[in-house]
């Protein structure tokens, strides 16, 4: 059993910052790519940023230069530092990871967290 638990969401004014965290726990053997997605009301869930186990990052154009994704492999945790937040960043943010468990060490399965609300408003 694997769980992803996000934290760090909340209400912030435009121009402010938030840091999201996502910790993976359970019978984990290895974690490959980790990422953050977001879903605004009435819209589809879209990729925000991703990071490989080796640290290679990828960002959607809308957040480049404002958001930074990082990870701590020893803690099975991924972070999203969000700066210069805009009202259009308002969404539920979901953590995502490709994880191999101790039961099947060569098979990676995709897991989602429960989501954390980020609201940018004055």
Protein backbone atom coordinates (compact mmCIF):
# COMPACT_ATOMS: atom_id res chain seq x y z
CA UNK A 1 0.00 0.00 0.00
CA UNK A 2 1.30 3.42 -1.00
CA UNK A 3 0.05 6.84 0.03
CA UNK A 4 0.88 10.33 -1.17
CA UNK A 5 0.00 13.06 1.30
CA UNK A 6 0.14 16.72 0.29
CA UNK A 7 0.40 19.71 2.59
CA UNK A 8 1.06 23.43 2.38
CA UNK A 9 -1.94 24.76 0.49
CA UNK A 10 -3.96 27.76 1.60
CA UNK A 11 -5.08 31.28 0.86
CA UNK A 12 -2.51 33.82 -0.29
CA UNK A 13 -2.62 37.29 -1.78
CA UNK A 14 -1.47 37.94 -5.35
CA UNK A 15 2.30 38.19 -5.45
CA UNK A 16 2.67 35.96 -2.42
CA UNK A 17 4.35 32.58 -2.01
CA UNK A 18 3.44 29.09 -0.88
CA UNK A 19 5.40 25.88 -0.58
CA UNK A 20 3.67 22.58 -1.19
CA UNK A 21 5.01 19.28 0.09
CA UNK A 22 4.10 15.72 -0.82
CA UNK A 23 5.37 12.76 1.14
CA UNK A 24 5.10 9.22 -0.17
CA UNK A 25 4.83 6.39 2.35
CA UNK A 26 4.18 2.68 2.45
CA UNK A 27 5.87 -0.31 0.88
CA UNK A 28 8.08 1.74 -1.43
CA UNK A 29 11.03 0.21 -3.26
CA UNK A 30 11.78 3.05 -5.67
CA UNK A 31 10.24 6.27 -6.96
CA UNK A 32 10.80 7.42 -10.52
CA UNK A 33 9.22 10.63 -11.78
CA UNK A 34 7.34 12.85 -9.33
CA UNK A 35 5.17 15.75 -10.29
CA UNK A 36 2.53 18.30 -9.47
CA UNK A 37 -0.73 18.76 -11.36
CA UNK A 38 -3.52 21.26 -10.82
CA UNK A 39 -7.21 21.40 -11.54
CA UNK A 40 -9.25 24.59 -11.51
CA UNK A 41 -13.07 24.46 -11.25
CA UNK A 42 -14.60 23.32 -14.51
CA UNK A 43 -11.25 22.55 -16.08
CA UNK A 44 -9.18 19.44 -16.66
CA UNK A 45 -6.27 18.40 -14.51
CA UNK A 46 -3.03 19.62 -16.06
CA UNK A 47 0.66 19.08 -15.39
CA UNK A 48 2.41 21.94 -13.60
CA UNK A 49 5.90 20.54 -13.10
CA UNK A 50 7.73 17.24 -12.90
CA UNK A 51 11.10 16.02 -11.72
CA UNK A 52 13.01 12.83 -12.45
CA UNK A 53 14.82 10.83 -9.81
CA UNK A 54 18.05 12.36 -11.05
CA UNK A 55 16.69 15.89 -10.73
CA UNK A 56 15.78 16.76 -14.30
CA UNK A 57 12.85 19.19 -14.21
CA UNK A 58 10.05 20.15 -16.55
CA UNK A 59 7.62 23.07 -16.21
CA UNK A 60 4.52 24.26 -18.00
CA UNK A 61 5.14 27.66 -19.60
CA UNK A 62 2.65 29.44 -17.33
CA UNK A 63 4.77 28.81 -14.22
CA UNK A 64 8.31 29.01 -15.59
CA UNK A 65 10.39 31.44 -13.57
CA UNK A 66 7.87 31.49 -10.71
CA UNK A 67 7.60 27.88 -9.52
CA UNK A 68 10.40 25.53 -8.52
CA UNK A 69 10.02 21.77 -8.11
CA UNK A 70 12.49 19.80 -6.01
CA UNK A 71 12.68 16.45 -4.26
CA UNK A 72 14.38 14.70 -1.38
CA UNK A 73 14.89 11.07 -2.39
CA UNK A 74 15.87 10.02 1.13
CA UNK A 75 12.52 11.31 2.43
CA UNK A 76 10.44 10.23 -0.58
CA UNK A 77 9.19 13.79 -0.74
CA UNK A 78 8.60 16.29 -3.54
CA UNK A 79 8.16 20.03 -3.09
CA UNK A 80 6.72 22.87 -5.13
CA UNK A 81 7.88 26.37 -4.24
CA UNK A 82 5.41 28.83 -5.72
CA UNK A 83 6.38 32.50 -5.91
CA UNK A 84 4.72 35.54 -7.48
CA UNK A 85 1.38 33.79 -7.30
CA UNK A 86 -1.44 34.99 -9.53
CA UNK A 87 -5.22 34.54 -9.24
CA UNK A 88 -5.07 32.20 -12.22
CA UNK A 89 -2.91 29.83 -10.15
CA UNK A 90 -5.97 29.09 -8.00
CA UNK A 91 -6.69 25.37 -8.18
CA UNK A 92 -6.51 22.08 -6.34
CA UNK A 93 -2.93 20.88 -6.59
CA UNK A 94 -2.28 17.15 -6.81
CA UNK A 95 0.92 15.23 -6.22
CA UNK A 96 1.73 12.40 -8.62
CA UNK A 97 4.44 9.75 -8.62
CA UNK A 98 5.56 6.60 -10.40
CA UNK A 99 6.37 4.08 -7.67
CA UNK A 100 7.64 0.52 -7.53
CA UNK A 101 6.67 -1.30 -4.36
CA UNK A 102 8.57 -3.94 -2.44
CA UNK A 103 6.09 -6.52 -3.76
CA UNK A 104 6.87 -5.84 -7.43
CA UNK A 105 10.20 -4.07 -7.60
CA UNK A 106 10.39 -3.87 -11.41
CA UNK A 107 6.87 -2.55 -12.04
CA UNK A 108 6.15 1.15 -11.64
CA UNK A 109 2.58 2.21 -10.97
CA UNK A 110 1.17 5.72 -10.97
CA UNK A 111 -0.19 7.15 -7.73
CA UNK A 112 -2.08 10.33 -6.84
CA UNK A 113 -2.41 12.34 -3.67
CA UNK A 114 -5.72 13.63 -2.37
CA UNK A 115 -5.08 17.22 -3.42
CA UNK A 116 -4.55 20.50 -1.60
CA UNK A 117 -6.38 23.74 -2.32
CA UNK A 118 -4.42 26.82 -3.34
CA UNK A 119 -6.39 30.06 -3.53
CA UNK A 120 -4.81 33.30 -4.71
CA UNK A 121 -7.04 36.24 -3.93
CA UNK A 122 -6.96 39.68 -2.38
